[in-house]
C-alpha atoms as a PDB file:
ATOM      1  CA  MET A   1      80.738 -21.994  11.926  1.00  0.00           C
ATOM      2  CA  ALA A   2      78.936 -20.691   8.934  1.00  0.00           C
ATOM      3  CA  GLU A   3      81.888 -18.444   8.171  1.00  0.00           C
ATOM      4  CA  SER A   4      84.398 -21.271   8.266  1.00  0.00           C
ATOM      5  CA  VAL A   5      83.031 -23.101   5.211  1.00  0.00           C
ATOM      6  CA  PRO A   6      83.479 -21.147   2.001  1.00  0.00           C
ATOM      7  CA  GLY A   7      80.193 -20.624   0.002  1.00  0.00           C
ATOM      8  CA  PHE A   8      78.051 -21.977   2.839  1.00  0.00           C
ATOM      9  CA  SER A   9      75.801 -18.938   3.107  1.00  0.00           C
ATOM     10  CA  ALA A  10      75.298 -18.921  -0.660  1.00  0.00           C
ATOM     11  CA  ARG A  11      74.229 -22.585  -0.556  1.00  0.00           C
ATOM     12  CA  ILE A  12      71.838 -21.970   2.337  1.00  0.00           C
ATOM     13  CA  SER A  13      70.258 -18.977   0.657  1.00  0.00           C
ATOM     14  CA  ALA A  14      69.963 -20.911  -2.627  1.00  0.00           C
ATOM     15  CA  ALA A  15      68.387 -23.874  -0.812  1.00  0.00           C
ATOM     16  CA  PHE A  16      66.057 -21.543   1.086  1.00  0.00           C
ATOM     17  CA  CYS A  17      64.974 -19.847  -2.157  1.00  0.00           C
ATOM     18  CA  ALA A  18      64.415 -23.247  -3.786  1.00  0.00           C
ATOM     19  CA  VAL A  19      62.220 -24.422  -0.875  1.00  0.00           C
ATOM     20  CA  VAL A  20      60.202 -21.196  -0.916  1.00  0.00           C
ATOM     21  CA  LEU A  21      59.790 -21.448  -4.692  1.00  0.00           C
ATOM     22  CA  LEU A  22      58.618 -25.071  -4.432  1.00  0.00           C
ATOM     23  CA  LEU A  23      56.117 -24.166  -1.717  1.00  0.00           C
ATOM     24  CA  LEU A  24      54.734 -21.300  -3.778  1.00  0.00           C
ATOM     25  CA  LEU A  25      54.372 -23.450  -6.877  1.00  0.00           C
ATOM     26  CA  ALA A  26      52.774 -26.261  -4.904  1.00  0.00           C
ATOM     27  CA  GLY A  27      50.340 -23.801  -3.309  1.00  0.00           C
ATOM     28  CA  CYS A  28      49.338 -22.391  -6.685  1.00  0.00           C
ATOM     29  CA  ASN A  29      48.523 -25.821  -8.095  1.00  0.00           C
ATOM     30  CA  GLN A  30      46.281 -26.923  -5.232  1.00  0.00           C
ATOM     31  CA  ARG A  31      42.602 -26.078  -5.382  1.00  0.00           C
ATOM     32  CA  GLY A  32      42.311 -25.887  -1.617  1.00  0.00           C
ATOM     33  CA  ALA A  33      38.997 -26.817  -0.026  1.00  0.00           C
ATOM     34  CA  GLU A  34      37.039 -26.199  -3.213  1.00  0.00           C
ATOM     35  CA  THR A  35      36.378 -29.124  -5.485  1.00  0.00           C
ATOM     36  CA  GLU A  36      35.875 -28.548  -9.160  1.00  0.00           C
ATOM     37  CA  ARG A  37      32.270 -29.106 -10.185  1.00  0.00           C
ATOM     38  CA  PRO A  38      30.882 -28.856 -13.673  1.00  0.00           C
ATOM     39  CA  PHE A  39      28.781 -25.790 -14.311  1.00  0.00           C
ATOM     40  CA  GLU A  40      25.135 -26.418 -13.571  1.00  0.00           C
ATOM     41  CA  GLU A  41      22.492 -24.024 -14.728  1.00  0.00           C
ATOM     42  CA  GLY A  42      20.002 -23.379 -11.973  1.00  0.00           C
ATOM     43  CA  VAL A  43      16.551 -24.672 -12.657  1.00  0.00           C
ATOM     44  CA  ARG A  44      14.109 -21.799 -12.611  1.00  0.00           C
ATOM     45  CA  PRO A  45      10.446 -22.477 -12.192  1.00  0.00           C
ATOM     46  CA  GLU A  46       8.698 -21.403 -15.317  1.00  0.00           C
ATOM     47  CA  ILE A  47       6.052 -18.771 -15.170  1.00  0.00           C
ATOM     48  CA  VAL A  48       2.710 -20.480 -15.058  1.00  0.00           C
ATOM     49  CA  SER A  49      -0.135 -18.606 -16.612  1.00  0.00           C
ATOM     50  CA  LEU A  50      -3.522 -19.724 -15.436  1.00  0.00           C
ATOM     51  CA  THR A  51      -6.472 -18.924 -17.585  1.00  0.00           C
ATOM     52  CA  PRO A  52      -9.758 -18.563 -15.755  1.00  0.00           C
ATOM     53  CA  LYS A  53     -12.317 -21.235 -16.444  1.00  0.00           C
ATOM     54  CA  LYS A  54     -15.042 -20.161 -18.792  1.00  0.00           C
ATOM     55  CA  PRO A  55     -18.418 -20.240 -17.090  1.00  0.00           C
ATOM     56  CA  VAL A  56     -21.137 -22.591 -18.228  1.00  0.00           C
ATOM     57  CA  LYS A  57     -23.642 -20.728 -20.380  1.00  0.00           C
ATOM     58  CA  ILE A  58     -27.232 -21.532 -19.525  1.00  0.00           C
ATOM     59  CA  VAL A  59     -30.125 -20.724 -21.840  1.00  0.00           C
ATOM     60  CA  LEU A  60     -33.285 -21.204 -19.778  1.00  0.00           C
ATOM     61  CA  LYS A  61     -36.598 -21.487 -21.626  1.00  0.00           C
ATOM     62  CA  ARG A  62     -40.135 -21.526 -20.286  1.00  0.00           C
ATOM     63  CA  THR A  63     -42.940 -22.938 -22.375  1.00  0.00           C
ATOM     64  CA  SER A  64     -46.483 -21.610 -22.520  1.00  0.00           C
ATOM     65  CA  LYS A  65     -47.519 -24.498 -20.253  1.00  0.00           C
ATOM     66  CA  GLY A  66     -45.150 -23.276 -17.535  1.00  0.00           C
ATOM     67  CA  LEU A  67     -42.554 -25.986 -18.048  1.00  0.00           C
ATOM     68  CA  TYR A  68     -38.839 -25.254 -18.142  1.00  0.00           C
ATOM     69  CA  SER A  69     -36.104 -26.487 -20.439  1.00  0.00           C
ATOM     70  CA  TRP A  70     -32.529 -25.356 -20.877  1.00  0.00           C
ATOM     71  CA  GLU A  71     -29.407 -25.607 -22.951  1.00  0.00           C
ATOM     72  CA  LEU A  72     -25.985 -25.802 -21.339  1.00  0.00           C
ATOM     73  CA  ARG A  73     -22.812 -24.803 -23.188  1.00  0.00           C
ATOM     74  CA  GLY A  74     -19.220 -24.748 -22.053  1.00  0.00           C
ATOM     75  CA  ASP A  75     -15.785 -26.353 -22.167  1.00  0.00           C
ATOM     76  CA  ASP A  76     -15.786 -27.983 -18.733  1.00  0.00           C
ATOM     77  CA  VAL A  77     -17.793 -31.217 -18.739  1.00  0.00           C
ATOM     78  CA  GLU A  78     -17.850 -31.450 -14.946  1.00  0.00           C
ATOM     79  CA  GLY A  79     -19.141 -27.880 -14.743  1.00  0.00           C
ATOM     80  CA  ILE A  80     -21.923 -28.643 -17.222  1.00  0.00           C
ATOM     81  CA  ILE A  81     -22.993 -31.747 -15.302  1.00  0.00           C
ATOM     82  CA  ASP A  82     -22.938 -29.825 -12.015  1.00  0.00           C
ATOM     83  CA  ALA A  83     -24.981 -26.963 -13.485  1.00  0.00           C
ATOM     84  CA  ASP A  84     -27.523 -29.438 -14.871  1.00  0.00           C
ATOM     85  CA  ARG A  85     -27.835 -31.146 -11.483  1.00  0.00           C
ATOM     86  CA  ARG A  86     -28.340 -27.825  -9.691  1.00  0.00           C
ATOM     87  CA  LEU A  87     -30.927 -26.638 -12.214  1.00  0.00           C
ATOM     88  CA  ARG A  88     -32.896 -29.871 -11.902  1.00  0.00           C
ATOM     89  CA  ARG A  89     -32.887 -29.594  -8.108  1.00  0.00           C
ATOM     90  CA  TYR A  90     -33.810 -25.920  -8.158  1.00  0.00           C
ATOM     91  CA  LEU A  91     -36.618 -26.198 -10.687  1.00  0.00           C
ATOM     92  CA  SER A  92     -38.079 -29.398  -9.242  1.00  0.00           C
ATOM     93  CA  GLY A  93     -38.700 -27.602  -5.938  1.00  0.00           C
ATOM     94  CA  GLU A  94     -36.342 -29.569  -3.647  1.00  0.00           C
ATOM     95  CA  ASP A  95     -34.417 -26.407  -2.733  1.00  0.00           C
ATOM     96  CA  GLY A  96     -37.377 -24.143  -3.384  1.00  0.00           C
ATOM     97  CA  ASP A  97     -37.555 -22.672   0.111  1.00  0.00           C
ATOM     98  CA  GLU A  98     -33.895 -21.631   0.132  1.00  0.00           C
ATOM     99  CA  LYS A  99     -33.707 -20.087  -3.311  1.00  0.00           C
ATOM    100  CA  GLY A 100     -37.290 -19.033  -3.913  1.00  0.00           C
ATOM    101  CA  ARG A 101     -40.310 -21.063  -4.877  1.00  0.00           C
ATOM    102  CA  THR A 102     -40.687 -21.917  -8.518  1.00  0.00           C
ATOM    103  CA  GLY A 103     -44.475 -21.988  -8.337  1.00  0.00           C
ATOM    104  CA  GLU A 104     -46.634 -24.444 -10.215  1.00  0.00           C
ATOM    105  CA  GLY A 105     -44.222 -24.679 -13.139  1.00  0.00           C
ATOM    106  CA  GLY A 106     -42.626 -28.067 -13.581  1.00  0.00           C
ATOM    107  CA  LEU A 107     -39.642 -29.533 -15.273  1.00  0.00           C
ATOM    108  CA  GLN A 108     -39.906 -30.487 -18.922  1.00  0.00           C
ATOM    109  CA  LYS A 109     -38.263 -33.806 -19.629  1.00  0.00           C
END
């Protein structure tokens, strides 16, 4: 039957080529499963440099009467207050048994 119509095979092959060409072009234009997203730069955690805390400097003085006084220096206010509290406790004799007795010397106010 295909031989009975003149130019039939040429039309079928031309139609077949046109369909294949359309399918190829349609396939090239589709993005498939991927959706286009704008480029996003990944957020990297920055390198954190930690500087060690400077210690509280304590200048302890003892008078000729056996009394103690001190100077506290440093950048950390909480550290200075804590050091002052510990020195007062230590030198007043509250923790004397644990850290060593301070003797008869008192605390100069």
